[in-house]
Protein backbone atom coordinates (compact mmCIF):
# COMPACT_ATOMS: atom_id res chain seq x y z
CA MET A 1 -16.97 16.86 -22.13
CA ARG A 2 -18.51 13.43 -22.65
CA LEU A 3 -15.10 11.91 -23.39
CA PHE A 4 -13.78 13.19 -20.08
CA SER A 5 -16.72 11.76 -18.13
CA ASN A 6 -16.16 8.34 -19.77
CA PHE A 7 -12.49 8.57 -18.83
CA GLN A 8 -13.39 9.24 -15.20
CA SER A 9 -15.83 6.33 -15.02
CA VAL A 10 -13.32 3.93 -16.56
CA HIS A 11 -10.56 5.27 -14.34
CA SER A 12 -12.64 4.90 -11.18
CA ARG A 13 -13.32 1.21 -11.97
CA ARG A 14 -9.65 0.32 -12.31
CA ARG A 15 -8.23 -1.67 -9.46
CA THR A 16 -5.30 -0.25 -7.63
CA VAL A 17 -2.67 -2.85 -6.94
CA ALA A 18 -0.45 -2.34 -3.95
CA TYR A 19 3.24 -3.01 -4.42
CA SER A 20 4.59 -6.06 -2.65
CA ASP A 21 8.23 -6.97 -2.49
CA PRO A 22 9.43 -10.02 -4.46
CA LEU A 23 10.00 -12.13 -1.33
CA THR A 24 6.46 -11.60 -0.05
CA GLU A 25 5.03 -12.38 -3.48
CA ALA A 26 7.15 -15.53 -3.81
CA LEU A 27 6.06 -16.73 -0.36
CA ARG A 28 2.40 -16.09 -1.20
CA ARG A 29 2.71 -18.09 -4.44
CA TYR A 30 4.61 -20.85 -2.64
CA ASP A 31 1.81 -21.20 -0.07
CA ALA A 32 -0.85 -21.32 -2.79
CA LEU A 33 1.04 -23.95 -4.76
CA THR A 34 1.67 -26.15 -1.74
CA ASP A 35 -2.05 -25.97 -0.90
CA ALA A 36 -2.86 -27.00 -4.48
CA GLU A 37 -0.41 -29.89 -4.27
CA LEU A 38 -1.96 -31.09 -1.01
CA LYS A 39 -5.41 -31.06 -2.61
CA ILE A 40 -4.10 -33.11 -5.52
CA LEU A 41 -2.51 -35.61 -3.15
CA GLY A 42 -5.78 -35.77 -1.23
CA GLY A 43 -7.59 -37.03 -4.32
CA GLN A 44 -9.19 -33.80 -5.50
CA GLN A 45 -7.30 -33.65 -8.79
CA ALA A 46 -9.77 -35.27 -11.15
CA TYR A 47 -13.32 -36.50 -11.19
CA SER A 48 -15.94 -37.61 -13.69
CA ILE A 49 -19.69 -37.17 -13.82
CA GLY A 50 -21.92 -38.79 -16.40
CA GLY A 51 -19.11 -39.71 -18.79
CA ARG A 52 -17.44 -36.30 -18.58
CA SER A 53 -14.21 -35.87 -16.71
CA LEU A 54 -12.35 -32.88 -15.32
CA THR A 55 -8.69 -32.70 -14.37
CA ARG A 56 -7.90 -29.66 -12.27
CA ALA A 57 -4.11 -29.53 -12.30
CA ASP A 58 -0.97 -31.33 -13.35
CA ARG A 59 0.98 -32.33 -10.24
CA GLY A 60 4.28 -32.42 -12.13
CA LYS A 61 3.97 -28.82 -13.27
CA ILE A 62 2.96 -27.69 -9.79
CA ARG A 63 5.92 -29.56 -8.26
CA ASP A 64 8.31 -27.97 -10.78
CA GLU A 65 6.98 -24.51 -9.93
CA ILE A 66 7.29 -25.21 -6.19
CA ASP A 67 10.92 -26.24 -6.68
CA ARG A 68 11.62 -23.13 -8.76
CA LEU A 69 10.00 -20.88 -6.16
CA ASP A 70 11.92 -22.61 -3.37
CA LYS A 71 15.20 -21.72 -5.06
CA ARG A 72 13.97 -18.16 -5.69
CA ILE A 73 12.99 -17.74 -2.03
CA GLN A 74 16.43 -18.93 -0.91
CA VAL A 75 18.09 -16.36 -3.18
CA LEU A 76 15.79 -13.56 -1.99
CA CYS A 77 16.35 -14.46 1.68
CA ALA A 78 20.12 -14.49 1.19
CA ARG A 79 19.92 -11.15 -0.59
CA ALA A 80 17.83 -9.66 2.22
CA ALA A 81 20.20 -11.02 4.87
CA ARG A 82 23.19 -9.25 3.36
CA GLY A 83 21.36 -5.96 2.94
CA GLY A 84 20.14 -5.99 -0.63
CA ILE A 85 21.88 -5.88 -3.99
CA ARG A 86 25.53 -4.88 -3.96
CA ILE A 87 27.20 -3.16 -6.87
CA ARG A 88 30.96 -3.29 -7.12
CA GLY A 89 33.19 -1.75 -9.75
CA ALA A 90 30.43 0.10 -11.55
CA VAL A 91 31.42 2.59 -14.22
CA PRO A 92 29.19 5.69 -14.41
CA LEU A 93 27.61 6.42 -17.76
CA PRO A 94 28.64 9.64 -19.52
């Protein structure tokens, strides 16, 4: 019985994650990355205190990810505009 009660307590602490479609997720990530890039451009990328320094992010990597997400969003928007994924000439499995 103790094992079951531990299972319930662990299970009740697990977060439930709601499903979001790929386009919504890509747009959310795109917004977060563009905000991060703006902070870097505003001078909040690195600082030093008492001889120690901290660099928060690499602008090049963030820019690459923004470009990749931009292409992904274009593909997802085009796919949504034509009604989803189309399958032509499919052969059913036996």
